[in-house]
Structures are given as C-alpha cells and as structure tokens.
PDB file of N, CA and C in Angstrom:
ATOM      1  N   MET A   1     -35.831  34.830 -11.956  1.00  0.00           N
ATOM      2  CA  MET A   1     -34.944  34.234 -10.967  1.00  0.00           C
ATOM      3  C   MET A   1     -35.693  33.094 -10.277  1.00  0.00           C
ATOM      4  N   THR A   2     -35.041  32.023 -10.179  1.00  0.00           N
ATOM      5  CA  THR A   2     -35.699  30.878  -9.527  1.00  0.00           C
ATOM      6  C   THR A   2     -35.599  30.881  -8.004  1.00  0.00           C
ATOM      7  N   ASP A   3     -36.433  30.104  -7.347  1.00  0.00           N
ATOM      8  CA  ASP A   3     -36.318  29.990  -5.872  1.00  0.00           C
ATOM      9  C   ASP A   3     -34.946  29.472  -5.496  1.00  0.00           C
ATOM     10  N   GLN A   4     -34.386  28.521  -6.277  1.00  0.00           N
ATOM     11  CA  GLN A   4     -33.068  27.954  -5.998  1.00  0.00           C
ATOM     12  C   GLN A   4     -31.997  29.010  -6.083  1.00  0.00           C
ATOM     13  N   GLU A   5     -32.070  29.887  -7.073  1.00  0.00           N
ATOM     14  CA  GLU A   5     -31.088  30.935  -7.223  1.00  0.00           C
ATOM     15  C   GLU A   5     -31.138  31.955  -6.025  1.00  0.00           C
ATOM     16  N   ILE A   6     -32.372  32.291  -5.610  1.00  0.00           N
ATOM     17  CA  ILE A   6     -32.472  33.168  -4.456  1.00  0.00           C
ATOM     18  C   ILE A   6     -31.963  32.465  -3.251  1.00  0.00           C
ATOM     19  N   PHE A   7     -32.270  31.202  -3.031  1.00  0.00           N
ATOM     20  CA  PHE A   7     -31.791  30.462  -1.887  1.00  0.00           C
ATOM     21  C   PHE A   7     -30.254  30.425  -1.825  1.00  0.00           C
ATOM     22  N   GLN A   8     -29.653  30.165  -3.004  1.00  0.00           N
ATOM     23  CA  GLN A   8     -28.152  30.146  -3.098  1.00  0.00           C
ATOM     24  C   GLN A   8     -27.561  31.494  -2.674  1.00  0.00           C
ATOM     25  N   ARG A   9     -28.222  32.576  -3.160  1.00  0.00           N
ATOM     26  CA  ARG A   9     -27.665  33.883  -2.768  1.00  0.00           C
ATOM     27  C   ARG A   9     -27.858  34.143  -1.285  1.00  0.00           C
ATOM     28  N   LEU A  10     -29.019  33.743  -0.754  1.00  0.00           N
ATOM     29  CA  LEU A  10     -29.277  33.900   0.727  1.00  0.00           C
ATOM     30  C   LEU A  10     -28.235  33.083   1.487  1.00  0.00           C
ATOM     31  N   ARG A  11     -27.943  31.926   0.975  1.00  0.00           N
ATOM     32  CA  ARG A  11     -26.937  31.055   1.618  1.00  0.00           C
ATOM     33  C   ARG A  11     -25.600  31.719   1.713  1.00  0.00           C
ATOM     34  N   GLU A  12     -25.172  32.289   0.574  1.00  0.00           N
ATOM     35  CA  GLU A  12     -23.905  33.006   0.531  1.00  0.00           C
ATOM     36  C   GLU A  12     -23.871  34.160   1.464  1.00  0.00           C
ATOM     37  N   ILE A  13     -24.938  34.946   1.528  1.00  0.00           N
ATOM     38  CA  ILE A  13     -24.986  36.090   2.394  1.00  0.00           C
ATOM     39  C   ILE A  13     -24.916  35.636   3.852  1.00  0.00           C
ATOM     40  N   LEU A  14     -25.699  34.646   4.188  1.00  0.00           N
ATOM     41  CA  LEU A  14     -25.681  34.143   5.593  1.00  0.00           C
ATOM     42  C   LEU A  14     -24.316  33.661   6.008  1.00  0.00           C
ATOM     43  N   ILE A  15     -23.621  32.960   5.179  1.00  0.00           N
ATOM     44  CA  ILE A  15     -22.301  32.440   5.472  1.00  0.00           C
ATOM     45  C   ILE A  15     -21.267  33.577   5.549  1.00  0.00           C
ATOM     46  N   GLU A  16     -21.245  34.403   4.506  1.00  0.00           N
ATOM     47  CA  GLU A  16     -20.276  35.518   4.425  1.00  0.00           C
ATOM     48  C   GLU A  16     -20.443  36.608   5.517  1.00  0.00           C
ATOM     49  N   THR A  17     -21.761  37.068   5.638  1.00  0.00           N
ATOM     50  CA  THR A  17     -22.035  38.211   6.472  1.00  0.00           C
ATOM     51  C   THR A  17     -22.258  37.854   7.986  1.00  0.00           C
ATOM     52  N   PHE A  18     -22.905  36.744   8.150  1.00  0.00           N
ATOM     53  CA  PHE A  18     -23.340  36.417   9.539  1.00  0.00           C
ATOM     54  C   PHE A  18     -22.647  35.214  10.091  1.00  0.00           C
ATOM     55  N   ASP A  19     -21.606  34.633   9.340  1.00  0.00           N
ATOM     56  CA  ASP A  19     -20.863  33.516   9.806  1.00  0.00           C
ATOM     57  C   ASP A  19     -21.802  32.361  10.197  1.00  0.00           C
ATOM     58  N   THR A  20     -22.856  32.186   9.470  1.00  0.00           N
ATOM     59  CA  THR A  20     -23.803  31.080   9.743  1.00  0.00           C
ATOM     60  C   THR A  20     -23.197  29.774   9.307  1.00  0.00           C
ATOM     61  N   GLU A  21     -23.375  28.755  10.122  1.00  0.00           N
ATOM     62  CA  GLU A  21     -22.931  27.439   9.832  1.00  0.00           C
ATOM     63  C   GLU A  21     -23.772  26.892   8.620  1.00  0.00           C
ATOM     64  N   PRO A  22     -23.037  26.501   7.525  1.00  0.00           N
ATOM     65  CA  PRO A  22     -23.768  26.088   6.292  1.00  0.00           C
ATOM     66  C   PRO A  22     -24.805  24.983   6.603  1.00  0.00           C
ATOM     67  N   THR A  23     -24.530  24.071   7.485  1.00  0.00           N
ATOM     68  CA  THR A  23     -25.474  22.943   7.780  1.00  0.00           C
ATOM     69  C   THR A  23     -26.759  23.413   8.365  1.00  0.00           C
ATOM     70  N   ARG A  24     -26.801  24.670   8.924  1.00  0.00           N
ATOM     71  CA  ARG A  24     -28.060  25.189   9.532  1.00  0.00           C
ATOM     72  C   ARG A  24     -28.920  25.879   8.516  1.00  0.00           C
ATOM     73  N   ILE A  25     -28.427  26.079   7.275  1.00  0.00           N
ATOM     74  CA  ILE A  25     -29.187  26.871   6.308  1.00  0.00           C
ATOM     75  C   ILE A  25     -30.029  25.895   5.451  1.00  0.00           C
ATOM     76  N   ALA A  26     -31.335  26.085   5.661  1.00  0.00           N
ATOM     77  CA  ALA A  26     -32.285  25.304   4.816  1.00  0.00           C
ATOM     78  C   ALA A  26     -33.585  26.180   4.663  1.00  0.00           C
ATOM     79  N   PRO A  27     -34.357  25.944   3.619  1.00  0.00           N
ATOM     80  CA  PRO A  27     -35.525  26.786   3.394  1.00  0.00           C
ATOM     81  C   PRO A  27     -36.445  26.880   4.631  1.00  0.00           C
ATOM     82  N   GLU A  28     -36.549  25.783   5.418  1.00  0.00           N
ATOM     83  CA  GLU A  28     -37.415  25.833   6.545  1.00  0.00           C
ATOM     84  C   GLU A  28     -36.810  26.433   7.859  1.00  0.00           C
ATOM     85  N   ALA A  29     -35.542  26.793   7.752  1.00  0.00           N
ATOM     86  CA  ALA A  29     -34.820  27.376   8.883  1.00  0.00           C
ATOM     87  C   ALA A  29     -35.467  28.724   9.301  1.00  0.00           C
ATOM     88  N   ARG A  30     -35.767  28.867  10.557  1.00  0.00           N
ATOM     89  CA  ARG A  30     -36.325  30.091  11.145  1.00  0.00           C
ATOM     90  C   ARG A  30     -35.197  31.059  11.338  1.00  0.00           C
ATOM     91  N   LEU A  31     -35.450  32.269  10.885  1.00  0.00           N
ATOM     92  CA  LEU A  31     -34.394  33.304  10.956  1.00  0.00           C
ATOM     93  C   LEU A  31     -33.919  33.540  12.406  1.00  0.00           C
ATOM     94  N   TYR A  32     -34.761  33.790  13.280  1.00  0.00           N
ATOM     95  CA  TYR A  32     -34.403  34.150  14.635  1.00  0.00           C
ATOM     96  C   TYR A  32     -34.017  32.945  15.470  1.00  0.00           C
ATOM     97  N   GLU A  33     -34.872  31.904  15.493  1.00  0.00           N
ATOM     98  CA  GLU A  33     -34.633  30.771  16.386  1.00  0.00           C
ATOM     99  C   GLU A  33     -33.530  29.858  15.907  1.00  0.00           C
ATOM    100  N   ASP A  34     -33.452  29.609  14.548  1.00  0.00           N
ATOM    101  CA  ASP A  34     -32.483  28.697  14.038  1.00  0.00           C
ATOM    102  C   ASP A  34     -31.172  29.323  13.584  1.00  0.00           C
ATOM    103  N   LEU A  35     -31.293  30.559  13.109  1.00  0.00           N
ATOM    104  CA  LEU A  35     -30.078  31.182  12.461  1.00  0.00           C
ATOM    105  C   LEU A  35     -29.552  32.391  13.297  1.00  0.00           C
ATOM    106  N   ASP A  36     -30.210  32.751  14.376  1.00  0.00           N
ATOM    107  CA  ASP A  36     -29.741  33.827  15.211  1.00  0.00           C
ATOM    108  C   ASP A  36     -29.732  35.192  14.493  1.00  0.00           C
ATOM    109  N   ILE A  37     -30.698  35.391  13.579  1.00  0.00           N
ATOM    110  CA  ILE A  37     -30.814  36.698  12.855  1.00  0.00           C
ATOM    111  C   ILE A  37     -31.804  37.569  13.630  1.00  0.00           C
ATOM    112  N   ASP A  38     -31.234  38.619  14.247  1.00  0.00           N
ATOM    113  CA  ASP A  38     -32.094  39.535  15.020  1.00  0.00           C
ATOM    114  C   ASP A  38     -32.581  40.639  14.084  1.00  0.00           C
ATOM    115  N   SER A  39     -33.342  41.603  14.640  1.00  0.00           N
ATOM    116  CA  SER A  39     -33.884  42.708  13.790  1.00  0.00           C
ATOM    117  C   SER A  39     -32.887  43.548  13.099  1.00  0.00           C
ATOM    118  N   ILE A  40     -31.689  43.768  13.787  1.00  0.00           N
ATOM    119  CA  ILE A  40     -30.636  44.531  13.166  1.00  0.00           C
ATOM    120  C   ILE A  40     -30.025  43.741  12.006  1.00  0.00           C
ATOM    121  N   ASP A  41     -29.813  42.467  12.232  1.00  0.00           N
ATOM    122  CA  ASP A  41     -29.252  41.574  11.200  1.00  0.00           C
ATOM    123  C   ASP A  41     -30.218  41.518  10.010  1.00  0.00           C
ATOM    124  N   ALA A  42     -31.521  41.526  10.326  1.00  0.00           N
ATOM    125  CA  ALA A  42     -32.520  41.398   9.215  1.00  0.00           C
ATOM    126  C   ALA A  42     -32.466  42.630   8.302  1.00  0.00           C
ATOM    127  N   VAL A  43     -32.219  43.830   8.911  1.00  0.00           N
ATOM    128  CA  VAL A  43     -32.023  45.009   8.115  1.00  0.00           C
ATOM    129  C   VAL A  43     -30.788  44.845   7.161  1.00  0.00           C
ATOM    130  N   ASP A  44     -29.701  44.362   7.724  1.00  0.00           N
ATOM    131  CA  ASP A  44     -28.479  44.091   6.937  1.00  0.00           C
ATOM    132  C   ASP A  44     -28.805  43.102   5.799  1.00  0.00           C
ATOM    133  N   LEU A  45     -29.564  42.079   6.106  1.00  0.00           N
ATOM    134  CA  LEU A  45     -29.929  41.074   5.115  1.00  0.00           C
ATOM    135  C   LEU A  45     -30.761  41.696   4.008  1.00  0.00           C
ATOM    136  N   ILE A  46     -31.673  42.545   4.324  1.00  0.00           N
ATOM    137  CA  ILE A  46     -32.571  43.230   3.352  1.00  0.00           C
ATOM    138  C   ILE A  46     -31.673  44.094   2.418  1.00  0.00           C
ATOM    139  N   VAL A  47     -30.686  44.828   3.010  1.00  0.00           N
ATOM    140  CA  VAL A  47     -29.783  45.608   2.215  1.00  0.00           C
ATOM    141  C   VAL A  47     -28.999  44.685   1.209  1.00  0.00           C
ATOM    142  N   LYS A  48     -28.529  43.567   1.641  1.00  0.00           N
ATOM    143  CA  LYS A  48     -27.726  42.677   0.858  1.00  0.00           C
ATOM    144  C   LYS A  48     -28.594  42.072  -0.250  1.00  0.00           C
ATOM    145  N   LEU A  49     -29.851  41.940  -0.035  1.00  0.00           N
ATOM    146  CA  LEU A  49     -30.786  41.297  -0.960  1.00  0.00           C
ATOM    147  C   LEU A  49     -31.233  42.260  -2.096  1.00  0.00           C
ATOM    148  N   LYS A  50     -31.078  43.544  -1.885  1.00  0.00           N
ATOM    149  CA  LYS A  50     -31.547  44.535  -2.798  1.00  0.00           C
ATOM    150  C   LYS A  50     -31.145  44.327  -4.248  1.00  0.00           C
ATOM    151  N   PRO A  51     -29.838  43.965  -4.469  1.00  0.00           N
ATOM    152  CA  PRO A  51     -29.450  43.705  -5.886  1.00  0.00           C
ATOM    153  C   PRO A  51     -30.241  42.637  -6.613  1.00  0.00           C
ATOM    154  N   LEU A  52     -30.790  41.622  -5.863  1.00  0.00           N
ATOM    155  CA  LEU A  52     -31.527  40.601  -6.431  1.00  0.00           C
ATOM    156  C   LEU A  52     -32.820  41.178  -7.117  1.00  0.00           C
ATOM    157  N   VAL A  53     -33.392  42.155  -6.517  1.00  0.00           N
ATOM    158  CA  VAL A  53     -34.649  42.742  -6.959  1.00  0.00           C
ATOM    159  C   VAL A  53     -34.417  43.978  -7.850  1.00  0.00           C
ATOM    160  N   GLY A  54     -33.256  44.636  -7.599  1.00  0.00           N
ATOM    161  CA  GLY A  54     -32.917  45.736  -8.426  1.00  0.00           C
ATOM    162  C   GLY A  54     -33.564  47.042  -7.981  1.00  0.00           C
ATOM    163  N   LYS A  55     -34.192  47.013  -6.831  1.00  0.00           N
ATOM    164  CA  LYS A  55     -34.736  48.277  -6.284  1.00  0.00           C
ATOM    165  C   LYS A  55     -34.723  48.230  -4.818  1.00  0.00           C
ATOM    166  N   ARG A  56     -35.049  49.308  -4.161  1.00  0.00           N
ATOM    167  CA  ARG A  56     -35.067  49.430  -2.712  1.00  0.00           C
ATOM    168  C   ARG A  56     -36.166  48.497  -2.157  1.00  0.00           C
ATOM    169  N   LEU A  57     -35.815  47.759  -1.145  1.00  0.00           N
ATOM    170  CA  LEU A  57     -36.814  46.873  -0.553  1.00  0.00           C
ATOM    171  C   LEU A  57     -37.417  47.547   0.687  1.00  0.00           C
ATOM    172  N   GLN A  58     -38.744  47.500   0.745  1.00  0.00           N
ATOM    173  CA  GLN A  58     -39.413  48.082   1.863  1.00  0.00           C
ATOM    174  C   GLN A  58     -39.476  47.077   2.985  1.00  0.00           C
ATOM    175  N   PRO A  59     -39.100  47.424   4.197  1.00  0.00           N
ATOM    176  CA  PRO A  59     -39.154  46.504   5.341  1.00  0.00           C
ATOM    177  C   PRO A  59     -40.504  45.896   5.579  1.00  0.00           C
ATOM    178  N   GLU A  60     -41.578  46.623   5.181  1.00  0.00           N
ATOM    179  CA  GLU A  60     -42.933  46.132   5.424  1.00  0.00           C
ATOM    180  C   GLU A  60     -43.142  44.819   4.668  1.00  0.00           C
ATOM    181  N   ALA A  61     -42.485  44.636   3.534  1.00  0.00           N
ATOM    182  CA  ALA A  61     -42.603  43.426   2.768  1.00  0.00           C
ATOM    183  C   ALA A  61     -42.082  42.166   3.506  1.00  0.00           C
ATOM    184  N   PHE A  62     -41.279  42.427   4.532  1.00  0.00           N
ATOM    185  CA  PHE A  62     -40.652  41.330   5.333  1.00  0.00           C
ATOM    186  C   PHE A  62     -41.172  41.189   6.747  1.00  0.00           C
ATOM    187  N   LYS A  63     -42.237  41.969   7.094  1.00  0.00           N
ATOM    188  CA  LYS A  63     -42.774  41.894   8.431  1.00  0.00           C
ATOM    189  C   LYS A  63     -43.195  40.469   8.809  1.00  0.00           C
ATOM    190  N   ALA A  64     -43.861  39.748   7.844  1.00  0.00           N
ATOM    191  CA  ALA A  64     -44.434  38.384   8.142  1.00  0.00           C
ATOM    192  C   ALA A  64     -43.373  37.280   7.910  1.00  0.00           C
ATOM    193  N   VAL A  65     -42.105  37.649   7.536  1.00  0.00           N
ATOM    194  CA  VAL A  65     -41.114  36.647   7.274  1.00  0.00           C
ATOM    195  C   VAL A  65     -40.595  36.042   8.499  1.00  0.00           C
ATOM    196  N   ARG A  66     -40.646  34.722   8.540  1.00  0.00           N
ATOM    197  CA  ARG A  66     -40.139  33.918   9.696  1.00  0.00           C
ATOM    198  C   ARG A  66     -39.034  32.894   9.255  1.00  0.00           C
ATOM    199  N   THR A  67     -39.101  32.388   8.044  1.00  0.00           N
ATOM    200  CA  THR A  67     -38.183  31.375   7.622  1.00  0.00           C
ATOM    201  C   THR A  67     -37.470  31.862   6.353  1.00  0.00           C
ATOM    202  N   LEU A  68     -36.448  31.131   5.972  1.00  0.00           N
ATOM    203  CA  LEU A  68     -35.741  31.445   4.647  1.00  0.00           C
ATOM    204  C   LEU A  68     -36.740  31.269   3.500  1.00  0.00           C
ATOM    205  N   GLN A  69     -37.647  30.299   3.547  1.00  0.00           N
ATOM    206  CA  GLN A  69     -38.585  30.143   2.452  1.00  0.00           C
ATOM    207  C   GLN A  69     -39.525  31.364   2.409  1.00  0.00           C
ATOM    208  N   ASP A  70     -39.863  31.973   3.540  1.00  0.00           N
ATOM    209  CA  ASP A  70     -40.652  33.196   3.589  1.00  0.00           C
ATOM    210  C   ASP A  70     -39.930  34.303   2.876  1.00  0.00           C
ATOM    211  N   VAL A  71     -38.618  34.435   3.070  1.00  0.00           N
ATOM    212  CA  VAL A  71     -37.742  35.404   2.416  1.00  0.00           C
ATOM    213  C   VAL A  71     -37.840  35.189   0.937  1.00  0.00           C
ATOM    214  N   ILE A  72     -37.652  33.985   0.476  1.00  0.00           N
ATOM    215  CA  ILE A  72     -37.699  33.602  -0.897  1.00  0.00           C
ATOM    216  C   ILE A  72     -39.019  34.050  -1.512  1.00  0.00           C
ATOM    217  N   ASN A  73     -40.104  33.670  -0.813  1.00  0.00           N
ATOM    218  CA  ASN A  73     -41.474  34.013  -1.310  1.00  0.00           C
ATOM    219  C   ASN A  73     -41.647  35.479  -1.416  1.00  0.00           C
ATOM    220  N   ALA A  74     -41.199  36.244  -0.424  1.00  0.00           N
ATOM    221  CA  ALA A  74     -41.342  37.708  -0.427  1.00  0.00           C
ATOM    222  C   ALA A  74     -40.593  38.299  -1.606  1.00  0.00           C
ATOM    223  N   LEU A  75     -39.356  37.809  -1.810  1.00  0.00           N
ATOM    224  CA  LEU A  75     -38.575  38.347  -2.958  1.00  0.00           C
ATOM    225  C   LEU A  75     -39.177  37.995  -4.257  1.00  0.00           C
ATOM    226  N   GLN A  76     -39.738  36.757  -4.407  1.00  0.00           N
ATOM    227  CA  GLN A  76     -40.402  36.356  -5.643  1.00  0.00           C
ATOM    228  C   GLN A  76     -41.624  37.259  -5.887  1.00  0.00           C
ATOM    229  N   GLY A  77     -42.340  37.540  -4.824  1.00  0.00           N
ATOM    230  CA  GLY A  77     -43.516  38.451  -4.969  1.00  0.00           C
ATOM    231  C   GLY A  77     -43.131  39.821  -5.468  1.00  0.00           C
ATOM    232  N   LEU A  78     -41.998  40.360  -4.896  1.00  0.00           N
ATOM    233  CA  LEU A  78     -41.508  41.679  -5.359  1.00  0.00           C
ATOM    234  C   LEU A  78     -41.059  41.641  -6.819  1.00  0.00           C
ATOM    235  N   ILE A  79     -40.342  40.596  -7.187  1.00  0.00           N
ATOM    236  CA  ILE A  79     -39.831  40.413  -8.529  1.00  0.00           C
ATOM    237  C   ILE A  79     -40.998  40.307  -9.494  1.00  0.00           C
ATOM    238  N   LYS A  80     -42.018  39.512  -9.175  1.00  0.00           N
ATOM    239  CA  LYS A  80     -43.202  39.365 -10.061  1.00  0.00           C
ATOM    240  C   LYS A  80     -43.988  40.591 -10.158  1.00  0.00           C
ATOM    241  N   ALA A  81     -44.140  41.351  -9.077  1.00  0.00           N
ATOM    242  CA  ALA A  81     -44.847  42.590  -9.096  1.00  0.00           C
ATOM    243  C   ALA A  81     -44.145  43.562 -10.017  1.00  0.00           C
ATOM    244  N   ASP A  82     -42.885  43.614  -9.915  1.00  0.00           N
ATOM    245  CA  ASP A  82     -42.035  44.479 -10.759  1.00  0.00           C
ATOM    246  C   ASP A  82     -42.194  44.143 -12.216  1.00  0.00           C
ATOM    247  N   GLU A  83     -42.143  42.852 -12.506  1.00  0.00           N
ATOM    248  CA  GLU A  83     -42.302  42.362 -13.912  1.00  0.00           C
ATOM    249  C   GLU A  83     -43.694  42.710 -14.418  1.00  0.00           C
ATOM    250  N   ALA A  84     -44.696  42.648 -13.608  1.00  0.00           N
ATOM    251  CA  ALA A  84     -46.062  42.975 -14.065  1.00  0.00           C
ATOM    252  C   ALA A  84     -46.162  44.464 -14.374  1.00  0.00           C
ATOM    253  N   VAL A  85     -45.567  45.312 -13.579  1.00  0.00           N
ATOM    254  CA  VAL A  85     -45.543  46.745 -13.875  1.00  0.00           C
ATOM    255  C   VAL A  85     -44.807  47.059 -15.119  1.00  0.00           C
ATOM    256  N   THR A  86     -43.619  46.370 -15.264  1.00  0.00           N
ATOM    257  CA  THR A  86     -42.774  46.579 -16.499  1.00  0.00           C
ATOM    258  C   THR A  86     -43.554  46.102 -17.716  1.00  0.00           C
ATOM    259  N   ALA A  87     -44.199  44.964 -17.654  1.00  0.00           N
ATOM    260  CA  ALA A  87     -44.932  44.457 -18.818  1.00  0.00           C
ATOM    261  C   ALA A  87     -46.125  45.371 -19.128  1.00  0.00           C
ATOM    262  N   GLY A  88     -46.686  45.974 -18.145  1.00  0.00           N
ATOM    263  CA  GLY A  88     -47.837  46.874 -18.307  1.00  0.00           C
ATOM    264  C   GLY A  88     -47.439  48.184 -19.005  1.00  0.00           C
ATOM    265  N   ASN A  89     -46.135  48.486 -18.954  1.00  0.00           N
ATOM    266  CA  ASN A  89     -45.634  49.752 -19.537  1.00  0.00           C
ATOM    267  C   ASN A  89     -45.175  49.565 -20.936  1.00  0.00           C
ATOM    268  N   ASP A  90     -45.228  48.352 -21.484  1.00  0.00           N
ATOM    269  CA  ASP A  90     -44.776  48.133 -22.837  1.00  0.00           C
ATOM    270  C   ASP A  90     -45.717  48.662 -23.906  1.00  0.00           C
TER     271      ASP A  90
END
C-alpha cells in the first residue's frame, strides 16, 4: 500500500467520521491543532484504520504521532513489519 493510498483513506475517514473540512487535510496537518482530533477521536481513527493493516493496532504505535504524515509513516511501519514476519514464515 502506498503513502498516497493511505492518505486517501485517511482523508475519507476524516471527512466522513469527523466532518473535517477537506481543504484542511494535508500530510503536514497536525491532528490536534489543525484538525481538532482529540485523544478520543484518535482512538476512533485507529479503529477505522485497522482494516488497512489487517490486524489490531496498538495505541503505543501512535504515541509519537502528531501529523497525518506521522500516521502514514506509523501505518507503513506496521505494514512493513507484518510483511517481514510473513516473508520470514515462508
């Protein structure tokens, strides 16, 4: 999954779930300051992102997340880690 695909899905979730104004959504947008995503919303966001990774997401993976690009990077890290484990089991 590419960064752009993850960003598109994030964008859909933010618009549909949090009524975020599309013009405010950019990779450098800060979750709390720019998008009004609080800690409760962040949990909802993690739940909505689970299908992208195909497994339960640990909140610890998102502790350092501040921007949408951080979310994309965290998800890519989880996807790559999962692929490495799967490849190692072949």
